[in-house]
Structure formats: structure tokens, C-alpha cells
Amino acid sequence: MEVDATCIVQMGHFIIAYYMLKRFLLKPLVEKVHAQDNMMRALQQEVDARKVLVKQQEQDVHDQWRAYQNEFAATMPTVSLFPEVMPPPIFSTSDKNVLNAEEKTIIIETLKQEIIARVERVD
């Protein structure tokens, strides 16, 4: 088997071209790809951390809302705290006489006016 000088020169050129491509082209490209991958991983970790933070904040808001609801339920006034709003009994306790229609109408209108006046004062 004979090896020509051109074959040896071609092999030399091939080795030099391979070395130059590897050193000046492939190495920077591989480094950029690795840097991009690392940046993507870091961004994904930051997104995951922020998702956890947002979930925690949502849970805190939900817990705070639940506490406010419980506090409101515990401090909500009842009708029994305001006995003056309760209508007077139609029957007096001393006598059991039934009121006539005109007296009932007067009592109902008086109660309506008192309730409207109290509501307007609250507003």
C-alpha cells in the first residue's frame, strides 16, 4: 500500500480543520448552550419559588378572610340586643281584650314610621 504525499497533506489539513472547528466554533457554541440551559433552570426555579409564595399569600388572605368572617359572626348584633325595635304586644297583659281593626292599623303605621326613622338614622 502506497501513501502519496497528497494523502498525507490531506490528512494534515483534516486534522488542522478538525482542531480549528472544535476549538473556535464548537466550544463557544456548546458553552452558550450550557449557559442558556443553566439560565432556563434558574428561571424555572424562580418561577416555582414565586408560585409557592403566591400560594402562601393566597392561603394567608383566605385565612384572614375566614378570621374576619368568624369575628363578624361572633360580634354580629341580634334583634334581642335592640328591644326598642320589637313591636309592643297587641294584647295588653292586664286585660285580654282584642284590638279592633282601626287600633291595629294605627299600631302598624306607628311601627312602620319608627322602623323607617331608625333605618334612616343608621344610614
PDB file of N, CA and C in Angstrom:
ATOM      1  N   MET A   1       0.840  -1.158   0.000  1.00  0.00           N
ATOM      2  CA  MET A   1       0.000   0.000   0.000  1.00  0.00           C
ATOM      3  C   MET A   1       0.898   1.238   0.000  1.00  0.00           C
ATOM      4  N   GLU A   2       0.674   2.062  -0.969  1.00  0.00           N
ATOM      5  CA  GLU A   2       1.458   3.275  -1.113  1.00  0.00           C
ATOM      6  C   GLU A   2       0.683   4.479  -0.618  1.00  0.00           C
ATOM      7  N   VAL A   3       1.374   5.335   0.065  1.00  0.00           N
ATOM      8  CA  VAL A   3       0.753   6.554   0.577  1.00  0.00           C
ATOM      9  C   VAL A   3       1.431   7.708  -0.146  1.00  0.00           C
ATOM     10  N   ASP A   4       0.601   8.475  -0.824  1.00  0.00           N
ATOM     11  CA  ASP A   4       1.121   9.641  -1.544  1.00  0.00           C
ATOM     12  C   ASP A   4       1.330  10.807  -0.586  1.00  0.00           C
ATOM     13  N   ALA A   5       2.093  11.755  -1.079  1.00  0.00           N
ATOM     14  CA  ALA A   5       2.305  12.973  -0.298  1.00  0.00           C
ATOM     15  C   ALA A   5       1.009  13.759  -0.203  1.00  0.00           C
ATOM     16  N   THR A   6       0.146  13.699  -1.221  1.00  0.00           N
ATOM     17  CA  THR A   6      -1.120  14.430  -1.186  1.00  0.00           C
ATOM     18  C   THR A   6      -2.047  13.864  -0.103  1.00  0.00           C
ATOM     19  N   CYS A   7      -1.982  12.559   0.070  1.00  0.00           N
ATOM     20  CA  CYS A   7      -2.816  11.922   1.103  1.00  0.00           C
ATOM     21  C   CYS A   7      -2.365  12.391   2.481  1.00  0.00           C
ATOM     22  N   ILE A   8      -1.067  12.493   2.689  1.00  0.00           N
ATOM     23  CA  ILE A   8      -0.536  12.941   3.971  1.00  0.00           C
ATOM     24  C   ILE A   8      -0.908  14.416   4.190  1.00  0.00           C
ATOM     25  N   VAL A   9      -0.834  15.215   3.146  1.00  0.00           N
ATOM     26  CA  VAL A   9      -1.191  16.630   3.238  1.00  0.00           C
ATOM     27  C   VAL A   9      -2.689  16.763   3.543  1.00  0.00           C
ATOM     28  N   GLN A  10      -3.534  15.950   2.905  1.00  0.00           N
ATOM     29  CA  GLN A  10      -4.967  15.987   3.166  1.00  0.00           C
ATOM     30  C   GLN A  10      -5.266  15.589   4.611  1.00  0.00           C
ATOM     31  N   MET A  11      -4.562  14.579   5.103  1.00  0.00           N
ATOM     32  CA  MET A  11      -4.747  14.178   6.496  1.00  0.00           C
ATOM     33  C   MET A  11      -4.353  15.316   7.434  1.00  0.00           C
ATOM     34  N   GLY A  12      -3.266  15.984   7.135  1.00  0.00           N
ATOM     35  CA  GLY A  12      -2.821  17.126   7.942  1.00  0.00           C
ATOM     36  C   GLY A  12      -3.845  18.253   7.924  1.00  0.00           C
ATOM     37  N   HIS A  13      -4.371  18.546   6.717  1.00  0.00           N
ATOM     38  CA  HIS A  13      -5.396  19.578   6.600  1.00  0.00           C
ATOM     39  C   HIS A  13      -6.667  19.187   7.380  1.00  0.00           C
ATOM     40  N   PHE A  14      -7.028  17.927   7.294  1.00  0.00           N
ATOM     41  CA  PHE A  14      -8.215  17.442   8.005  1.00  0.00           C
ATOM     42  C   PHE A  14      -8.034  17.594   9.514  1.00  0.00           C
ATOM     43  N   ILE A  15      -6.870  17.221  10.021  1.00  0.00           N
ATOM     44  CA  ILE A  15      -6.608  17.323  11.462  1.00  0.00           C
ATOM     45  C   ILE A  15      -6.612  18.787  11.899  1.00  0.00           C
ATOM     46  N   ILE A  16      -5.991  19.649  11.109  1.00  0.00           N
ATOM     47  CA  ILE A  16      -5.960  21.079  11.438  1.00  0.00           C
ATOM     48  C   ILE A  16      -7.387  21.669  11.395  1.00  0.00           C
ATOM     49  N   ALA A  17      -8.166  21.333  10.378  1.00  0.00           N
ATOM     50  CA  ALA A  17      -9.543  21.833  10.255  1.00  0.00           C
ATOM     51  C   ALA A  17     -10.402  21.333  11.419  1.00  0.00           C
ATOM     52  N   TYR A  18     -10.247  20.053  11.764  1.00  0.00           N
ATOM     53  CA  TYR A  18     -10.998  19.491  12.887  1.00  0.00           C
ATOM     54  C   TYR A  18     -10.655  20.230  14.179  1.00  0.00           C
ATOM     55  N   TYR A  19      -9.368  20.452  14.431  1.00  0.00           N
ATOM     56  CA  TYR A  19      -8.930  21.129  15.636  1.00  0.00           C
ATOM     57  C   TYR A  19      -9.463  22.566  15.677  1.00  0.00           C
ATOM     58  N   MET A  20      -9.387  23.272  14.542  1.00  0.00           N
ATOM     59  CA  MET A  20      -9.871  24.651  14.485  1.00  0.00           C
ATOM     60  C   MET A  20     -11.393  24.726  14.680  1.00  0.00           C
ATOM     61  N   LEU A  21     -12.127  23.828  14.048  1.00  0.00           N
ATOM     62  CA  LEU A  21     -13.583  23.809  14.222  1.00  0.00           C
ATOM     63  C   LEU A  21     -13.953  23.517  15.689  1.00  0.00           C
ATOM     64  N   LYS A  22     -13.266  22.538  16.247  1.00  0.00           N
ATOM     65  CA  LYS A  22     -13.556  22.173  17.631  1.00  0.00           C
ATOM     66  C   LYS A  22     -13.228  23.322  18.575  1.00  0.00           C
ATOM     67  N   ARG A  23     -12.105  23.942  18.373  1.00  0.00           N
ATOM     68  CA  ARG A  23     -11.623  24.986  19.282  1.00  0.00           C
ATOM     69  C   ARG A  23     -12.387  26.299  19.118  1.00  0.00           C
ATOM     70  N   PHE A  24     -12.601  26.752  17.905  1.00  0.00           N
ATOM     71  CA  PHE A  24     -13.145  28.084  17.668  1.00  0.00           C
ATOM     72  C   PHE A  24     -14.633  28.125  17.360  1.00  0.00           C
ATOM     73  N   LEU A  25     -15.228  27.024  16.990  1.00  0.00           N
ATOM     74  CA  LEU A  25     -16.642  27.040  16.624  1.00  0.00           C
ATOM     75  C   LEU A  25     -17.489  26.225  17.603  1.00  0.00           C
ATOM     76  N   LEU A  26     -17.113  24.979  17.811  1.00  0.00           N
ATOM     77  CA  LEU A  26     -17.948  24.110  18.629  1.00  0.00           C
ATOM     78  C   LEU A  26     -17.879  24.455  20.114  1.00  0.00           C
ATOM     79  N   LYS A  27     -16.703  24.766  20.621  1.00  0.00           N
ATOM     80  CA  LYS A  27     -16.550  25.047  22.038  1.00  0.00           C
ATOM     81  C   LYS A  27     -17.388  26.257  22.458  1.00  0.00           C
ATOM     82  N   PRO A  28     -17.352  27.402  21.751  1.00  0.00           N
ATOM     83  CA  PRO A  28     -18.208  28.534  22.145  1.00  0.00           C
ATOM     84  C   PRO A  28     -19.708  28.209  22.030  1.00  0.00           C
ATOM     85  N   LEU A  29     -20.063  27.433  21.002  1.00  0.00           N
ATOM     86  CA  LEU A  29     -21.478  27.081  20.851  1.00  0.00           C
ATOM     87  C   LEU A  29     -21.953  26.196  22.001  1.00  0.00           C
ATOM     88  N   VAL A  30     -21.148  25.235  22.380  1.00  0.00           N
ATOM     89  CA  VAL A  30     -21.510  24.345  23.485  1.00  0.00           C
ATOM     90  C   VAL A  30     -21.600  25.144  24.789  1.00  0.00           C
ATOM     91  N   GLU A  31     -20.663  26.083  24.994  1.00  0.00           N
ATOM     92  CA  GLU A  31     -20.713  26.913  26.194  1.00  0.00           C
ATOM     93  C   GLU A  31     -21.982  27.763  26.232  1.00  0.00           C
ATOM     94  N   LYS A  32     -22.372  28.318  25.088  1.00  0.00           N
ATOM     95  CA  LYS A  32     -23.597  29.122  25.037  1.00  0.00           C
ATOM     96  C   LYS A  32     -24.832  28.271  25.309  1.00  0.00           C
ATOM     97  N   VAL A  33     -24.851  27.064  24.778  1.00  0.00           N
ATOM     98  CA  VAL A  33     -25.989  26.170  25.013  1.00  0.00           C
ATOM     99  C   VAL A  33     -26.077  25.816  26.498  1.00  0.00           C
ATOM    100  N   HIS A  34     -24.932  25.513  27.112  1.00  0.00           N
ATOM    101  CA  HIS A  34     -24.929  25.201  28.541  1.00  0.00           C
ATOM    102  C   HIS A  34     -25.363  26.418  29.376  1.00  0.00           C
ATOM    103  N   ALA A  35     -24.890  27.609  28.989  1.00  0.00           N
ATOM    104  CA  ALA A  35     -25.276  28.821  29.714  1.00  0.00           C
ATOM    105  C   ALA A  35     -26.783  29.062  29.589  1.00  0.00           C
ATOM    106  N   GLN A  36     -27.319  28.834  28.412  1.00  0.00           N
ATOM    107  CA  GLN A  36     -28.757  29.002  28.203  1.00  0.00           C
ATOM    108  C   GLN A  36     -29.553  27.988  29.028  1.00  0.00           C
ATOM    109  N   ASP A  37     -29.083  26.751  29.064  1.00  0.00           N
ATOM    110  CA  ASP A  37     -29.744  25.725  29.878  1.00  0.00           C
ATOM    111  C   ASP A  37     -29.720  26.099  31.362  1.00  0.00           C
ATOM    112  N   ASN A  38     -28.570  26.571  31.825  1.00  0.00           N
ATOM    113  CA  ASN A  38     -28.472  26.980  33.229  1.00  0.00           C
ATOM    114  C   ASN A  38     -29.402  28.148  33.538  1.00  0.00           C
ATOM    115  N   MET A  39     -29.469  29.106  32.605  1.00  0.00           N
ATOM    116  CA  MET A  39     -30.362  30.244  32.788  1.00  0.00           C
ATOM    117  C   MET A  39     -31.826  29.783  32.826  1.00  0.00           C
ATOM    118  N   MET A  40     -32.186  28.844  31.947  1.00  0.00           N
ATOM    119  CA  MET A  40     -33.562  28.328  31.930  1.00  0.00           C
ATOM    120  C   MET A  40     -33.879  27.609  33.240  1.00  0.00           C
ATOM    121  N   ARG A  41     -32.948  26.825  33.748  1.00  0.00           N
ATOM    122  CA  ARG A  41     -33.162  26.137  35.033  1.00  0.00           C
ATOM    123  C   ARG A  41     -33.347  27.149  36.165  1.00  0.00           C
ATOM    124  N   ALA A  42     -32.508  28.201  36.164  1.00  0.00           N
ATOM    125  CA  ALA A  42     -32.615  29.224  37.210  1.00  0.00           C
ATOM    126  C   ALA A  42     -33.961  29.946  37.125  1.00  0.00           C
ATOM    127  N   LEU A  43     -34.393  30.267  35.917  1.00  0.00           N
ATOM    128  CA  LEU A  43     -35.689  30.923  35.744  1.00  0.00           C
ATOM    129  C   LEU A  43     -36.833  30.018  36.195  1.00  0.00           C
ATOM    130  N   GLN A  44     -36.743  28.739  35.865  1.00  0.00           N
ATOM    131  CA  GLN A  44     -37.782  27.795  36.273  1.00  0.00           C
ATOM    132  C   GLN A  44     -37.839  27.670  37.797  1.00  0.00           C
ATOM    133  N   GLN A  45     -36.666  27.663  38.442  1.00  0.00           N
ATOM    134  CA  GLN A  45     -36.644  27.607  39.903  1.00  0.00           C
ATOM    135  C   GLN A  45     -37.252  28.870  40.511  1.00  0.00           C
ATOM    136  N   GLU A  46     -36.975  30.011  39.884  1.00  0.00           N
ATOM    137  CA  GLU A  46     -37.550  31.258  40.375  1.00  0.00           C
ATOM    138  C   GLU A  46     -39.068  31.264  40.196  1.00  0.00           C
ATOM    139  N   VAL A  47     -39.532  30.765  39.065  1.00  0.00           N
ATOM    140  CA  VAL A  47     -40.980  30.675  38.831  1.00  0.00           C
ATOM    141  C   VAL A  47     -41.626  29.755  39.866  1.00  0.00           C
ATOM    142  N   ASP A  48     -41.001  28.612  40.125  1.00  0.00           N
ATOM    143  CA  ASP A  48     -41.541  27.684  41.123  1.00  0.00           C
ATOM    144  C   ASP A  48     -41.568  28.317  42.512  1.00  0.00           C
ATOM    145  N   ALA A  49     -40.503  29.041  42.849  1.00  0.00           N
ATOM    146  CA  ALA A  49     -40.454  29.701  44.159  1.00  0.00           C
ATOM    147  C   ALA A  49     -41.546  30.759  44.268  1.00  0.00           C
ATOM    148  N   ARG A  50     -41.773  31.499  43.191  1.00  0.00           N
ATOM    149  CA  ARG A  50     -42.826  32.526  43.212  1.00  0.00           C
ATOM    150  C   ARG A  50     -44.215  31.902  43.267  1.00  0.00           C
ATOM    151  N   LYS A  51     -44.390  30.763  42.609  1.00  0.00           N
ATOM    152  CA  LYS A  51     -45.681  30.070  42.696  1.00  0.00           C
ATOM    153  C   LYS A  51     -45.967  29.657  44.133  1.00  0.00           C
ATOM    154  N   VAL A  52     -44.946  29.151  44.815  1.00  0.00           N
ATOM    155  CA  VAL A  52     -45.114  28.759  46.218  1.00  0.00           C
ATOM    156  C   VAL A  52     -45.451  29.989  47.058  1.00  0.00           C
ATOM    157  N   LEU A  53     -44.764  31.107  46.797  1.00  0.00           N
ATOM    158  CA  LEU A  53     -45.012  32.336  47.531  1.00  0.00           C
ATOM    159  C   LEU A  53     -46.440  32.835  47.297  1.00  0.00           C
ATOM    160  N   VAL A  54     -46.880  32.787  46.050  1.00  0.00           N
ATOM    161  CA  VAL A  54     -48.246  33.230  45.726  1.00  0.00           C
ATOM    162  C   VAL A  54     -49.274  32.330  46.408  1.00  0.00           C
ATOM    163  N   LYS A  55     -49.045  31.023  46.390  1.00  0.00           N
ATOM    164  CA  LYS A  55     -49.970  30.104  47.069  1.00  0.00           C
ATOM    165  C   LYS A  55     -50.028  30.408  48.561  1.00  0.00           C
ATOM    166  N   GLN A  56     -48.870  30.690  49.163  1.00  0.00           N
ATOM    167  CA  GLN A  56     -48.838  31.019  50.586  1.00  0.00           C
ATOM    168  C   GLN A  56     -49.595  32.315  50.856  1.00  0.00           C
ATOM    169  N   GLN A  57     -49.402  33.307  49.993  1.00  0.00           N
ATOM    170  CA  GLN A  57     -50.110  34.575  50.173  1.00  0.00           C
ATOM    171  C   GLN A  57     -51.612  34.380  50.002  1.00  0.00           C
ATOM    172  N   GLU A  58     -52.024  33.574  49.017  1.00  0.00           N
ATOM    173  CA  GLU A  58     -53.448  33.287  48.843  1.00  0.00           C
ATOM    174  C   GLU A  58     -54.009  32.590  50.072  1.00  0.00           C
ATOM    175  N   GLN A  59     -53.251  31.667  50.640  1.00  0.00           N
ATOM    176  CA  GLN A  59     -53.702  30.969  51.846  1.00  0.00           C
ATOM    177  C   GLN A  59     -53.807  31.941  53.018  1.00  0.00           C
ATOM    178  N   ASP A  60     -52.843  32.865  53.125  1.00  0.00           N
ATOM    179  CA  ASP A  60     -52.896  33.864  54.193  1.00  0.00           C
ATOM    180  C   ASP A  60     -54.126  34.753  54.051  1.00  0.00           C
ATOM    181  N   VAL A  61     -54.404  35.183  52.821  1.00  0.00           N
ATOM    182  CA  VAL A  61     -55.587  36.016  52.579  1.00  0.00           C
ATOM    183  C   VAL A  61     -56.855  35.227  52.911  1.00  0.00           C
ATOM    184  N   HIS A  62     -56.899  33.966  52.515  1.00  0.00           N
ATOM    185  CA  HIS A  62     -58.057  33.127  52.809  1.00  0.00           C
ATOM    186  C   HIS A  62     -58.223  32.958  54.323  1.00  0.00           C
ATOM    187  N   ASP A  63     -57.134  32.706  55.026  1.00  0.00           N
ATOM    188  CA  ASP A  63     -57.204  32.555  56.480  1.00  0.00           C
ATOM    189  C   ASP A  63     -57.649  33.856  57.149  1.00  0.00           C
ATOM    190  N   GLN A  64     -57.135  34.977  56.656  1.00  0.00           N
ATOM    191  CA  GLN A  64     -57.516  36.268  57.213  1.00  0.00           C
ATOM    192  C   GLN A  64     -59.000  36.536  56.954  1.00  0.00           C
ATOM    193  N   TRP A  65     -59.474  36.221  55.755  1.00  0.00           N
ATOM    194  CA  TRP A  65     -60.885  36.390  55.420  1.00  0.00           C
ATOM    195  C   TRP A  65     -61.748  35.518  56.334  1.00  0.00           C
ATOM    196  N   ARG A  66     -61.327  34.276  56.548  1.00  0.00           N
ATOM    197  CA  ARG A  66     -62.064  33.373  57.430  1.00  0.00           C
ATOM    198  C   ARG A  66     -62.088  33.924  58.860  1.00  0.00           C
ATOM    199  N   ALA A  67     -60.974  34.491  59.329  1.00  0.00           N
ATOM    200  CA  ALA A  67     -60.929  35.073  60.670  1.00  0.00           C
ATOM    201  C   ALA A  67     -61.878  36.263  60.777  1.00  0.00           C
ATOM    202  N   TYR A  68     -61.920  37.105  59.737  1.00  0.00           N
ATOM    203  CA  TYR A  68     -62.848  38.236  59.745  1.00  0.00           C
ATOM    204  C   TYR A  68     -64.293  37.755  59.759  1.00  0.00           C
ATOM    205  N   GLN A  69     -64.589  36.723  58.989  1.00  0.00           N
ATOM    206  CA  GLN A  69     -65.943  36.186  58.987  1.00  0.00           C
ATOM    207  C   GLN A  69     -66.316  35.653  60.369  1.00  0.00           C
ATOM    208  N   ASN A  70     -65.398  34.931  60.995  1.00  0.00           N
ATOM    209  CA  ASN A  70     -65.665  34.397  62.329  1.00  0.00           C
ATOM    210  C   ASN A  70     -65.847  35.527  63.346  1.00  0.00           C
ATOM    211  N   GLU A  71     -65.008  36.559  63.230  1.00  0.00           N
ATOM    212  CA  GLU A  71     -65.122  37.690  64.145  1.00  0.00           C
ATOM    213  C   GLU A  71     -66.453  38.404  63.945  1.00  0.00           C
ATOM    214  N   PHE A  72     -66.845  38.570  62.686  1.00  0.00           N
ATOM    215  CA  PHE A  72     -68.124  39.216  62.408  1.00  0.00           C
ATOM    216  C   PHE A  72     -69.275  38.373  62.941  1.00  0.00           C
ATOM    217  N   ALA A  73     -69.203  37.058  62.739  1.00  0.00           N
ATOM    218  CA  ALA A  73     -70.266  36.186  63.228  1.00  0.00           C
ATOM    219  C   ALA A  73     -70.355  36.241  64.751  1.00  0.00           C
ATOM    220  N   ALA A  74     -69.207  36.379  65.414  1.00  0.00           N
ATOM    221  CA  ALA A  74     -69.213  36.419  66.870  1.00  0.00           C
ATOM    222  C   ALA A  74     -69.726  37.756  67.402  1.00  0.00           C
ATOM    223  N   THR A  75     -69.492  38.838  66.665  1.00  0.00           N
ATOM    224  CA  THR A  75     -69.878  40.159  67.151  1.00  0.00           C
ATOM    225  C   THR A  75     -71.116  40.710  66.472  1.00  0.00           C
ATOM    226  N   MET A  76     -71.759  39.916  65.644  1.00  0.00           N
ATOM    227  CA  MET A  76     -72.946  40.380  64.922  1.00  0.00           C
ATOM    228  C   MET A  76     -74.085  40.611  65.921  1.00  0.00           C
ATOM    229  N   PRO A  77     -74.707  41.776  65.870  1.00  0.00           N
ATOM    230  CA  PRO A  77     -75.781  42.039  66.818  1.00  0.00           C
ATOM    231  C   PRO A  77     -77.016  41.198  66.489  1.00  0.00           C
ATOM    232  N   THR A  78     -77.757  40.920  67.504  1.00  0.00           N
ATOM    233  CA  THR A  78     -79.002  40.185  67.320  1.00  0.00           C
ATOM    234  C   THR A  78     -80.161  41.115  67.634  1.00  0.00           C
ATOM    235  N   VAL A  79     -81.345  40.700  67.274  1.00  0.00           N
ATOM    236  CA  VAL A  79     -82.535  41.523  67.474  1.00  0.00           C
ATOM    237  C   VAL A  79     -82.779  41.726  68.967  1.00  0.00           C
ATOM    238  N   SER A  80     -82.438  40.741  69.775  1.00  0.00           N
ATOM    239  CA  SER A  80     -82.693  40.857  71.211  1.00  0.00           C
ATOM    240  C   SER A  80     -81.850  41.953  71.853  1.00  0.00           C
ATOM    241  N   LEU A  81     -80.784  42.391  71.218  1.00  0.00           N
ATOM    242  CA  LEU A  81     -79.978  43.474  71.760  1.00  0.00           C
ATOM    243  C   LEU A  81     -80.665  44.827  71.601  1.00  0.00           C
ATOM    244  N   PHE A  82     -81.667  44.888  70.729  1.00  0.00           N
ATOM    245  CA  PHE A  82     -82.386  46.123  70.480  1.00  0.00           C
ATOM    246  C   PHE A  82     -83.876  45.916  70.761  1.00  0.00           C
ATOM    247  N   PRO A  83     -84.257  45.868  72.022  1.00  0.00           N
ATOM    248  CA  PRO A  83     -85.658  45.587  72.336  1.00  0.00           C
ATOM    249  C   PRO A  83     -86.590  46.706  71.903  1.00  0.00           C
ATOM    250  N   GLU A  84     -86.069  47.929  71.727  1.00  0.00           N
ATOM    251  CA  GLU A  84     -86.952  49.024  71.332  1.00  0.00           C
ATOM    252  C   GLU A  84     -87.469  48.858  69.909  1.00  0.00           C
ATOM    253  N   VAL A  85     -86.837  47.989  69.122  1.00  0.00           N
ATOM    254  CA  VAL A  85     -87.292  47.743  67.761  1.00  0.00           C
ATOM    255  C   VAL A  85     -88.459  46.759  67.765  1.00  0.00           C
ATOM    256  N   MET A  86     -88.523  45.950  68.776  1.00  0.00           N
ATOM    257  CA  MET A  86     -89.588  44.949  68.857  1.00  0.00           C
ATOM    258  C   MET A  86     -90.935  45.652  69.012  1.00  0.00           C
ATOM    259  N   PRO A  87     -91.936  45.210  68.290  1.00  0.00           N
ATOM    260  CA  PRO A  87     -93.245  45.862  68.396  1.00  0.00           C
ATOM    261  C   PRO A  87     -93.872  45.575  69.756  1.00  0.00           C
ATOM    262  N   PRO A  88     -94.637  46.516  70.235  1.00  0.00           N
ATOM    263  CA  PRO A  88     -95.321  46.255  71.501  1.00  0.00           C
ATOM    264  C   PRO A  88     -96.379  45.166  71.304  1.00  0.00           C
ATOM    265  N   PRO A  89     -96.688  44.456  72.333  1.00  0.00           N
ATOM    266  CA  PRO A  89     -97.688  43.405  72.178  1.00  0.00           C
ATOM    267  C   PRO A  89     -99.054  43.994  71.833  1.00  0.00           C
ATOM    268  N   ILE A  90     -99.764  43.288  70.993  1.00  0.00           N
ATOM    269  CA  ILE A  90    -101.096  43.753  70.600  1.00  0.00           C
ATOM    270  C   ILE A  90    -102.066  43.617  71.777  1.00  0.00           C
ATOM    271  N   PHE A  91    -101.896  42.572  72.534  1.00  0.00           N
ATOM    272  CA  PHE A  91    -102.744  42.365  73.710  1.00  0.00           C
ATOM    273  C   PHE A  91    -102.013  42.911  74.926  1.00  0.00           C
ATOM    274  N   SER A  92    -102.703  43.658  75.737  1.00  0.00           N
ATOM    275  CA  SER A  92    -102.072  44.110  76.970  1.00  0.00           C
ATOM    276  C   SER A  92    -102.072  42.963  77.957  1.00  0.00           C
ATOM    277  N   THR A  93    -101.133  43.009  78.875  1.00  0.00           N
ATOM    278  CA  THR A  93    -101.035  41.904  79.837  1.00  0.00           C
ATOM    279  C   THR A  93    -102.130  41.970  80.891  1.00  0.00           C
ATOM    280  N   SER A  94    -102.661  43.152  81.134  1.00  0.00           N
ATOM    281  CA  SER A  94    -103.682  43.268  82.174  1.00  0.00           C
ATOM    282  C   SER A  94    -105.047  42.773  81.708  1.00  0.00           C
ATOM    283  N   ASP A  95    -105.401  43.155  80.516  1.00  0.00           N
ATOM    284  CA  ASP A  95    -106.691  42.669  80.007  1.00  0.00           C
ATOM    285  C   ASP A  95    -106.492  42.004  78.666  1.00  0.00           C
ATOM    286  N   LYS A  96    -107.259  41.046  78.379  1.00  0.00           N
ATOM    287  CA  LYS A  96    -107.111  40.264  77.149  1.00  0.00           C
ATOM    288  C   LYS A  96    -108.106  40.717  76.086  1.00  0.00           C
ATOM    289  N   ASN A  97    -108.385  41.980  76.020  1.00  0.00           N
ATOM    290  CA  ASN A  97    -109.319  42.476  75.023  1.00  0.00           C
ATOM    291  C   ASN A  97    -108.633  42.487  73.660  1.00  0.00           C
ATOM    292  N   VAL A  98    -109.356  42.126  72.653  1.00  0.00           N
ATOM    293  CA  VAL A  98    -108.841  42.116  71.296  1.00  0.00           C
ATOM    294  C   VAL A  98    -108.991  43.519  70.725  1.00  0.00           C
ATOM    295  N   LEU A  99    -107.935  43.969  70.052  1.00  0.00           N
ATOM    296  CA  LEU A  99    -107.980  45.296  69.445  1.00  0.00           C
ATOM    297  C   LEU A  99    -108.841  45.244  68.196  1.00  0.00           C
ATOM    298  N   ASN A 100    -109.498  46.335  67.937  1.00  0.00           N
ATOM    299  CA  ASN A 100    -110.298  46.377  66.714  1.00  0.00           C
ATOM    300  C   ASN A 100    -109.389  46.716  65.529  1.00  0.00           C
ATOM    301  N   ALA A 101    -109.928  46.686  64.354  1.00  0.00           N
ATOM    302  CA  ALA A 101    -109.161  46.871  63.117  1.00  0.00           C
ATOM    303  C   ALA A 101    -108.523  48.251  63.058  1.00  0.00           C
ATOM    304  N   GLU A 102    -109.207  49.281  63.521  1.00  0.00           N
ATOM    305  CA  GLU A 102    -108.671  50.633  63.478  1.00  0.00           C
ATOM    306  C   GLU A 102    -107.455  50.771  64.402  1.00  0.00           C
ATOM    307  N   GLU A 103    -107.514  50.187  65.585  1.00  0.00           N
ATOM    308  CA  GLU A 103    -106.393  50.245  66.519  1.00  0.00           C
ATOM    309  C   GLU A 103    -105.187  49.479  65.972  1.00  0.00           C
ATOM    310  N   LYS A 104    -105.450  48.333  65.351  1.00  0.00           N
ATOM    311  CA  LYS A 104    -104.354  47.559  64.736  1.00  0.00           C
ATOM    312  C   LYS A 104    -103.681  48.366  63.641  1.00  0.00           C
ATOM    313  N   THR A 105    -104.473  49.032  62.813  1.00  0.00           N
ATOM    314  CA  THR A 105    -103.923  49.844  61.729  1.00  0.00           C
ATOM    315  C   THR A 105    -103.058  50.971  62.285  1.00  0.00           C
ATOM    316  N   ILE A 106    -103.501  51.624  63.355  1.00  0.00           N
ATOM    317  CA  ILE A 106    -102.747  52.713  63.977  1.00  0.00           C
ATOM    318  C   ILE A 106    -101.417  52.181  64.508  1.00  0.00           C
ATOM    319  N   ILE A 107    -101.446  51.029  65.187  1.00  0.00           N
ATOM    320  CA  ILE A 107    -100.227  50.440  65.736  1.00  0.00           C
ATOM    321  C   ILE A 107     -99.252  50.067  64.616  1.00  0.00           C
ATOM    322  N   ILE A 108     -99.765  49.462  63.557  1.00  0.00           N
ATOM    323  CA  ILE A 108     -98.908  49.058  62.432  1.00  0.00           C
ATOM    324  C   ILE A 108     -98.272  50.272  61.782  1.00  0.00           C
ATOM    325  N   GLU A 109     -99.029  51.330  61.548  1.00  0.00           N
ATOM    326  CA  GLU A 109     -98.486  52.535  60.923  1.00  0.00           C
ATOM    327  C   GLU A 109     -97.431  53.188  61.828  1.00  0.00           C
ATOM    328  N   THR A 110     -97.687  53.201  63.130  1.00  0.00           N
ATOM    329  CA  THR A 110     -96.716  53.767  64.077  1.00  0.00           C
ATOM    330  C   THR A 110     -95.414  52.980  64.038  1.00  0.00           C
ATOM    331  N   LEU A 111     -95.517  51.653  64.026  1.00  0.00           N
ATOM    332  CA  LEU A 111     -94.313  50.812  63.958  1.00  0.00           C
ATOM    333  C   LEU A 111     -93.563  51.032  62.653  1.00  0.00           C
ATOM    334  N   LYS A 112     -94.274  51.134  61.555  1.00  0.00           N
ATOM    335  CA  LYS A 112     -93.627  51.388  60.254  1.00  0.00           C
ATOM    336  C   LYS A 112     -92.835  52.686  60.307  1.00  0.00           C
ATOM    337  N   GLN A 113     -93.453  53.723  60.842  1.00  0.00           N
ATOM    338  CA  GLN A 113     -92.779  55.021  60.911  1.00  0.00           C
ATOM    339  C   GLN A 113     -91.544  54.961  61.805  1.00  0.00           C
ATOM    340  N   GLU A 114     -91.632  54.259  62.932  1.00  0.00           N
ATOM    341  CA  GLU A 114     -90.482  54.141  63.823  1.00  0.00           C
ATOM    342  C   GLU A 114     -89.344  53.368  63.154  1.00  0.00           C
ATOM    343  N   ILE A 115     -89.682  52.288  62.472  1.00  0.00           N
ATOM    344  CA  ILE A 115     -88.655  51.485  61.785  1.00  0.00           C
ATOM    345  C   ILE A 115     -87.999  52.293  60.687  1.00  0.00           C
ATOM    346  N   ILE A 116     -88.796  53.023  59.905  1.00  0.00           N
ATOM    347  CA  ILE A 116     -88.230  53.846  58.823  1.00  0.00           C
ATOM    348  C   ILE A 116     -87.323  54.925  59.405  1.00  0.00           C
ATOM    349  N   ALA A 117     -87.733  55.536  60.503  1.00  0.00           N
ATOM    350  CA  ALA A 117     -86.920  56.579  61.120  1.00  0.00           C
ATOM    351  C   ALA A 117     -85.596  55.995  61.633  1.00  0.00           C
ATOM    352  N   ARG A 118     -85.635  54.822  62.233  1.00  0.00           N
ATOM    353  CA  ARG A 118     -84.402  54.196  62.739  1.00  0.00           C
ATOM    354  C   ARG A 118     -83.479  53.805  61.587  1.00  0.00           C
ATOM    355  N   VAL A 119     -84.032  53.287  60.518  1.00  0.00           N
ATOM    356  CA  VAL A 119     -83.206  52.905  59.363  1.00  0.00           C
ATOM    357  C   VAL A 119     -82.557  54.133  58.756  1.00  0.00           C
ATOM    358  N   GLU A 120     -83.296  55.213  58.653  1.00  0.00           N
ATOM    359  CA  GLU A 120     -82.720  56.443  58.088  1.00  0.00           C
ATOM    360  C   GLU A 120     -81.616  56.998  58.985  1.00  0.00           C
ATOM    361  N   ARG A 121     -81.758  56.859  60.302  1.00  0.00           N
ATOM    362  CA  ARG A 121     -80.714  57.312  61.212  1.00  0.00           C
ATOM    363  C   ARG A 121     -79.450  56.472  61.086  1.00  0.00           C
ATOM    364  N   VAL A 122     -79.629  55.167  60.838  1.00  0.00           N
ATOM    365  CA  VAL A 122     -78.480  54.271  60.678  1.00  0.00           C
ATOM    366  C   VAL A 122     -77.734  54.602  59.402  1.00  0.00           C
ATOM    367  N   ASP A 123     -78.465  54.894  58.326  1.00  0.00           N
ATOM    368  CA  ASP A 123     -77.812  55.209  57.053  1.00  0.00           C
ATOM    369  C   ASP A 123     -77.078  56.507  57.198  1.00  0.00           C
TER     370      ASP A 123
END
